[in-house]
Amino acid sequence: MLTLAVSTNLFAGIPSSTDEFIHSYSDKLRIRECDCEKCYELVHTERADLAIVMCMKREFPECNVREIASSRSYAVVNTNSPLARKSHLSMMDLKGQELLLMSKPPFQYEPLFSQMKDLRFNQNEVSVITSTSSMVHMVRRYKVMGLVSRKFAIDPPKDIRTIPIDDPRLDWHFYVLFQMDVGKFAAISKLIRGIQATFEGDKDYVSASEAAASVVGY
């Protein structure tokens, strides 16, 4: 039996095949959903055997880490917003917008907050909305913007427009966190390999191996 920590709304961001693979382990997993920082803490203190987190690029110095894949980040706006007419957004398009984020900033969004600081954005215009349904409700009723995954953006709800953010620094990265020096490592390693394989078969994600190969090729 393994304890798997997953970051908030991870299942709204991973491929369906990954979800199905994790479900196939349901009799061998205890799943705990929490924010990214808590997932990191649970693995670091060995209260979870491994964690899968979706966040912008960052380091996890107290854990072993395997980056599985990455995908583009999308903004969620009301169809009446002036931004809804754009085919893509830059970091500057976020200025002056109230942002709805999925967990306590800035742990999950380190590159975003770094840029906000450099560009002197008002970092007080940020709210934490952990439910995508609540985020959609807020975007429909108020002048706010959410940040979501490619999977959510494929089929957005009514009155909502999703727009790709054309800045690779704000891409989502999918990491598995674990500790190698534990008795369950063989079982943990097998689960990680299976999870990685499900991402590699999905065209909407860039697997970490593909990204490394493109850098070498360049």
Protein backbone atom coordinates (compact mmCIF):
# COMPACT_ATOMS: atom_id res chain seq x y z
CA MET A 1 0.00 0.00 0.00
CA LEU A 2 1.40 3.38 -1.07
CA THR A 3 0.32 6.88 -0.05
CA LEU A 4 0.10 9.17 -3.06
CA ALA A 5 -0.23 12.92 -2.59
CA VAL A 6 -1.66 14.85 -5.55
CA SER A 7 -1.76 18.60 -6.01
CA THR A 8 -5.10 20.40 -6.00
CA ASN A 9 -7.01 19.88 -9.26
CA LEU A 10 -4.31 17.59 -10.65
CA PHE A 11 -6.97 15.34 -12.16
CA ALA A 12 -8.29 18.32 -14.14
CA GLY A 13 -4.85 18.69 -15.71
CA ILE A 14 -3.52 15.19 -16.42
CA PRO A 15 -4.32 12.98 -19.44
CA SER A 16 -7.32 10.68 -19.10
CA SER A 17 -4.99 7.71 -19.55
CA THR A 18 -3.01 8.83 -16.48
CA ASP A 19 -6.21 9.06 -14.46
CA GLU A 20 -7.17 5.54 -15.60
CA PHE A 21 -3.71 4.20 -14.78
CA ILE A 22 -3.85 5.62 -11.25
CA HIS A 23 -7.37 4.15 -10.87
CA SER A 24 -5.99 0.72 -11.82
CA TYR A 25 -3.87 0.98 -8.65
CA SER A 26 -6.84 1.97 -6.49
CA ASP A 27 -6.55 -1.10 -4.24
CA LYS A 28 -2.87 -0.29 -3.62
CA LEU A 29 -3.05 3.49 -3.14
CA ARG A 30 -4.21 5.93 -0.52
CA ILE A 31 -4.67 9.27 -2.30
CA ARG A 32 -4.41 12.60 -0.52
CA GLU A 33 -5.16 15.87 -2.33
CA CYS A 34 -3.53 19.08 -1.09
CA ASP A 35 -1.69 22.12 -2.39
CA CYS A 36 1.74 21.73 -4.04
CA GLU A 37 3.69 22.94 -1.04
CA LYS A 38 1.94 20.44 1.24
CA CYS A 39 2.61 17.61 -1.25
CA TYR A 40 6.31 18.50 -1.13
CA GLU A 41 6.27 18.58 2.67
CA LEU A 42 4.53 15.19 2.90
CA VAL A 43 7.15 13.48 0.71
CA HIS A 44 10.06 15.29 2.36
CA THR A 45 8.90 14.12 5.82
CA GLU A 46 8.01 10.63 4.48
CA ARG A 47 4.34 10.95 5.36
CA ALA A 48 3.59 10.23 1.69
CA ASP A 49 5.47 7.73 -0.46
CA LEU A 50 5.30 9.91 -3.56
CA ALA A 51 3.49 12.93 -4.95
CA ILE A 52 2.39 14.10 -8.38
CA VAL A 53 2.26 17.87 -8.69
CA MET A 54 1.32 20.30 -11.44
CA CYS A 55 3.10 23.63 -11.12
CA MET A 56 5.21 26.13 -12.99
CA LYS A 57 8.90 25.25 -13.23
CA ARG A 58 10.65 25.07 -9.86
CA GLU A 59 13.08 23.08 -7.74
CA PHE A 60 12.33 20.62 -4.90
CA PRO A 61 15.67 20.42 -3.09
CA GLU A 62 14.66 18.03 -0.30
CA CYS A 63 13.21 15.32 -2.57
CA ASN A 64 14.14 13.17 -5.50
CA VAL A 65 12.30 14.52 -8.53
CA ARG A 66 11.35 13.20 -11.93
CA GLU A 67 9.85 15.68 -14.38
CA ILE A 68 7.26 13.80 -16.40
CA ALA A 69 5.96 16.34 -18.92
CA SER A 70 4.94 19.92 -19.55
CA SER A 71 2.07 21.70 -21.27
CA ARG A 72 1.01 25.23 -22.07
CA SER A 73 -0.81 27.40 -19.55
CA TYR A 74 -4.16 28.95 -20.49
CA ALA A 75 -6.04 31.98 -19.25
CA VAL A 76 -9.76 31.69 -18.53
CA VAL A 77 -11.74 34.85 -19.29
CA ASN A 78 -15.35 35.89 -19.73
CA THR A 79 -16.39 36.00 -23.40
CA ASN A 80 -17.26 39.69 -22.86
CA SER A 81 -13.71 40.54 -21.81
CA PRO A 82 -11.60 42.53 -24.31
CA LEU A 83 -8.96 39.82 -23.88
CA ALA A 84 -11.37 37.24 -25.33
CA ARG A 85 -10.70 38.64 -28.81
CA LYS A 86 -7.00 37.75 -28.63
CA SER A 87 -5.56 34.52 -30.05
CA HIS A 88 -2.87 34.37 -27.35
CA LEU A 89 -1.75 36.37 -24.33
CA SER A 90 1.58 37.62 -23.07
CA MET A 91 2.64 38.36 -19.52
CA MET A 92 1.79 42.03 -20.03
CA ASP A 93 -1.84 41.11 -20.78
CA LEU A 94 -2.12 39.91 -17.18
CA LYS A 95 -1.30 43.34 -15.78
CA GLY A 96 -4.27 44.93 -14.02
CA GLN A 97 -6.20 41.64 -14.00
CA GLU A 98 -7.34 39.99 -10.79
CA LEU A 99 -5.93 36.49 -10.97
CA LEU A 100 -7.55 33.34 -9.62
CA LEU A 101 -4.95 30.72 -8.72
CA MET A 102 -5.35 27.12 -7.56
CA SER A 103 -3.20 27.15 -4.43
CA LYS A 104 -1.31 29.35 -2.03
CA PRO A 105 1.00 31.57 -4.04
CA PRO A 106 3.81 31.72 -4.86
CA PHE A 107 4.94 28.06 -4.37
CA GLN A 108 3.03 26.64 -7.33
CA TYR A 109 3.55 29.79 -9.41
CA GLU A 110 7.14 30.82 -8.71
CA PRO A 111 7.99 32.03 -12.28
CA LEU A 112 4.73 34.00 -12.48
CA PHE A 113 5.38 35.86 -9.23
CA SER A 114 9.00 36.46 -10.15
CA GLN A 115 7.88 38.19 -13.34
CA MET A 116 5.14 40.07 -11.54
CA LYS A 117 7.76 41.45 -9.18
CA ASP A 118 10.13 42.40 -12.02
CA LEU A 119 7.33 44.14 -13.93
CA ARG A 120 5.98 45.81 -10.78
CA PHE A 121 2.56 44.23 -10.96
CA ASN A 122 0.20 44.61 -8.03
CA GLN A 123 0.61 41.22 -6.37
CA ASN A 124 -2.34 41.90 -4.07
CA GLU A 125 -4.74 41.24 -6.97
CA VAL A 126 -4.54 37.49 -6.48
CA SER A 127 -7.14 35.14 -4.98
CA VAL A 128 -6.94 31.41 -4.28
CA ILE A 129 -9.82 29.41 -5.76
CA THR A 130 -9.12 25.68 -5.42
CA SER A 131 -12.19 24.50 -7.35
CA THR A 132 -12.36 24.88 -11.14
CA SER A 133 -16.17 25.10 -10.93
CA SER A 134 -15.86 28.01 -8.49
CA MET A 135 -13.29 29.61 -10.78
CA VAL A 136 -15.69 29.39 -13.73
CA HIS A 137 -18.47 30.91 -11.61
CA MET A 138 -16.23 33.83 -10.62
CA VAL A 139 -15.04 34.45 -14.19
CA ARG A 140 -18.65 34.52 -15.42
CA ARG A 141 -19.81 37.02 -12.81
CA TYR A 142 -16.81 39.23 -12.14
CA LYS A 143 -13.91 40.84 -14.01
CA VAL A 144 -11.36 38.21 -13.05
CA MET A 145 -9.08 35.77 -14.85
CA GLY A 146 -8.15 32.20 -14.03
CA LEU A 147 -5.13 30.11 -15.04
CA VAL A 148 -5.80 26.52 -16.11
CA SER A 149 -4.34 23.54 -17.93
CA ARG A 150 -4.52 22.47 -21.55
CA LYS A 151 -6.93 19.65 -20.63
CA PHE A 152 -9.45 22.13 -19.18
CA ALA A 153 -9.00 24.46 -22.17
CA ILE A 154 -9.98 21.84 -24.76
CA ASP A 155 -13.68 22.04 -23.91
CA PRO A 156 -14.43 25.20 -21.89
CA PRO A 157 -17.87 25.80 -20.33
CA LYS A 158 -20.43 28.19 -21.81
CA ASP A 159 -19.61 31.94 -21.65
CA ILE A 160 -15.94 31.13 -21.02
CA ARG A 161 -13.00 31.60 -23.36
CA THR A 162 -9.64 29.94 -22.83
CA ILE A 163 -6.60 31.58 -24.42
CA PRO A 164 -3.05 30.17 -24.55
CA ILE A 165 -0.38 32.14 -22.72
CA ASP A 166 2.49 32.52 -25.14
CA ASP A 167 5.26 32.50 -22.56
CA PRO A 168 7.08 29.21 -21.86
CA ARG A 169 8.08 30.48 -18.41
CA LEU A 170 4.42 30.07 -17.42
CA ASP A 171 4.02 26.54 -18.80
CA TRP A 172 2.75 23.83 -16.48
CA HIS A 173 5.24 21.16 -15.45
CA PHE A 174 4.27 17.77 -14.06
CA TYR A 175 6.65 16.36 -11.45
CA VAL A 176 6.77 13.19 -9.40
CA LEU A 177 8.37 13.67 -5.98
CA PHE A 178 9.73 10.70 -4.01
CA GLN A 179 12.54 9.45 -1.77
CA MET A 180 14.91 6.80 -3.16
CA ASP A 181 16.24 5.54 0.16
CA VAL A 182 13.02 3.89 1.35
CA GLY A 183 11.97 0.26 1.56
CA LYS A 184 9.09 0.71 -0.88
CA PHE A 185 11.24 2.21 -3.63
CA ALA A 186 10.78 -0.72 -6.06
CA ALA A 187 6.98 -0.28 -5.93
CA ILE A 188 7.32 3.51 -6.15
CA SER A 189 9.62 3.25 -9.19
CA LYS A 190 7.22 0.91 -11.01
CA LEU A 191 4.33 3.32 -10.43
CA ILE A 192 6.40 6.29 -11.67
CA ARG A 193 7.36 4.46 -14.89
CA GLY A 194 3.70 3.69 -15.57
CA ILE A 195 2.64 7.29 -14.97
CA GLN A 196 5.39 8.59 -17.28
CA ALA A 197 4.31 6.23 -20.08
CA THR A 198 0.76 7.60 -20.05
CA PHE A 199 2.00 11.16 -20.61
CA GLU A 200 4.32 10.09 -23.44
CA GLY A 201 1.37 8.75 -25.39
CA ASP A 202 -0.63 12.01 -25.30
CA LYS A 203 -0.04 14.65 -28.01
CA ASP A 204 -1.25 17.52 -25.78
CA TYR A 205 1.79 17.13 -23.50
CA VAL A 206 5.51 17.44 -24.15
CA SER A 207 7.20 14.60 -22.31
CA ALA A 208 10.37 15.43 -20.43
CA SER A 209 12.33 13.03 -22.66
CA GLU A 210 11.07 14.80 -25.79
CA ALA A 211 11.99 18.18 -24.34
CA ALA A 212 15.51 16.95 -23.53
CA ALA A 213 15.91 15.52 -27.03
CA SER A 214 14.86 18.81 -28.64
CA VAL A 215 17.45 20.70 -26.59
CA VAL A 216 20.18 18.25 -27.68
CA GLY A 217 19.02 18.51 -31.30
CA TYR A 218 19.12 22.28 -31.17
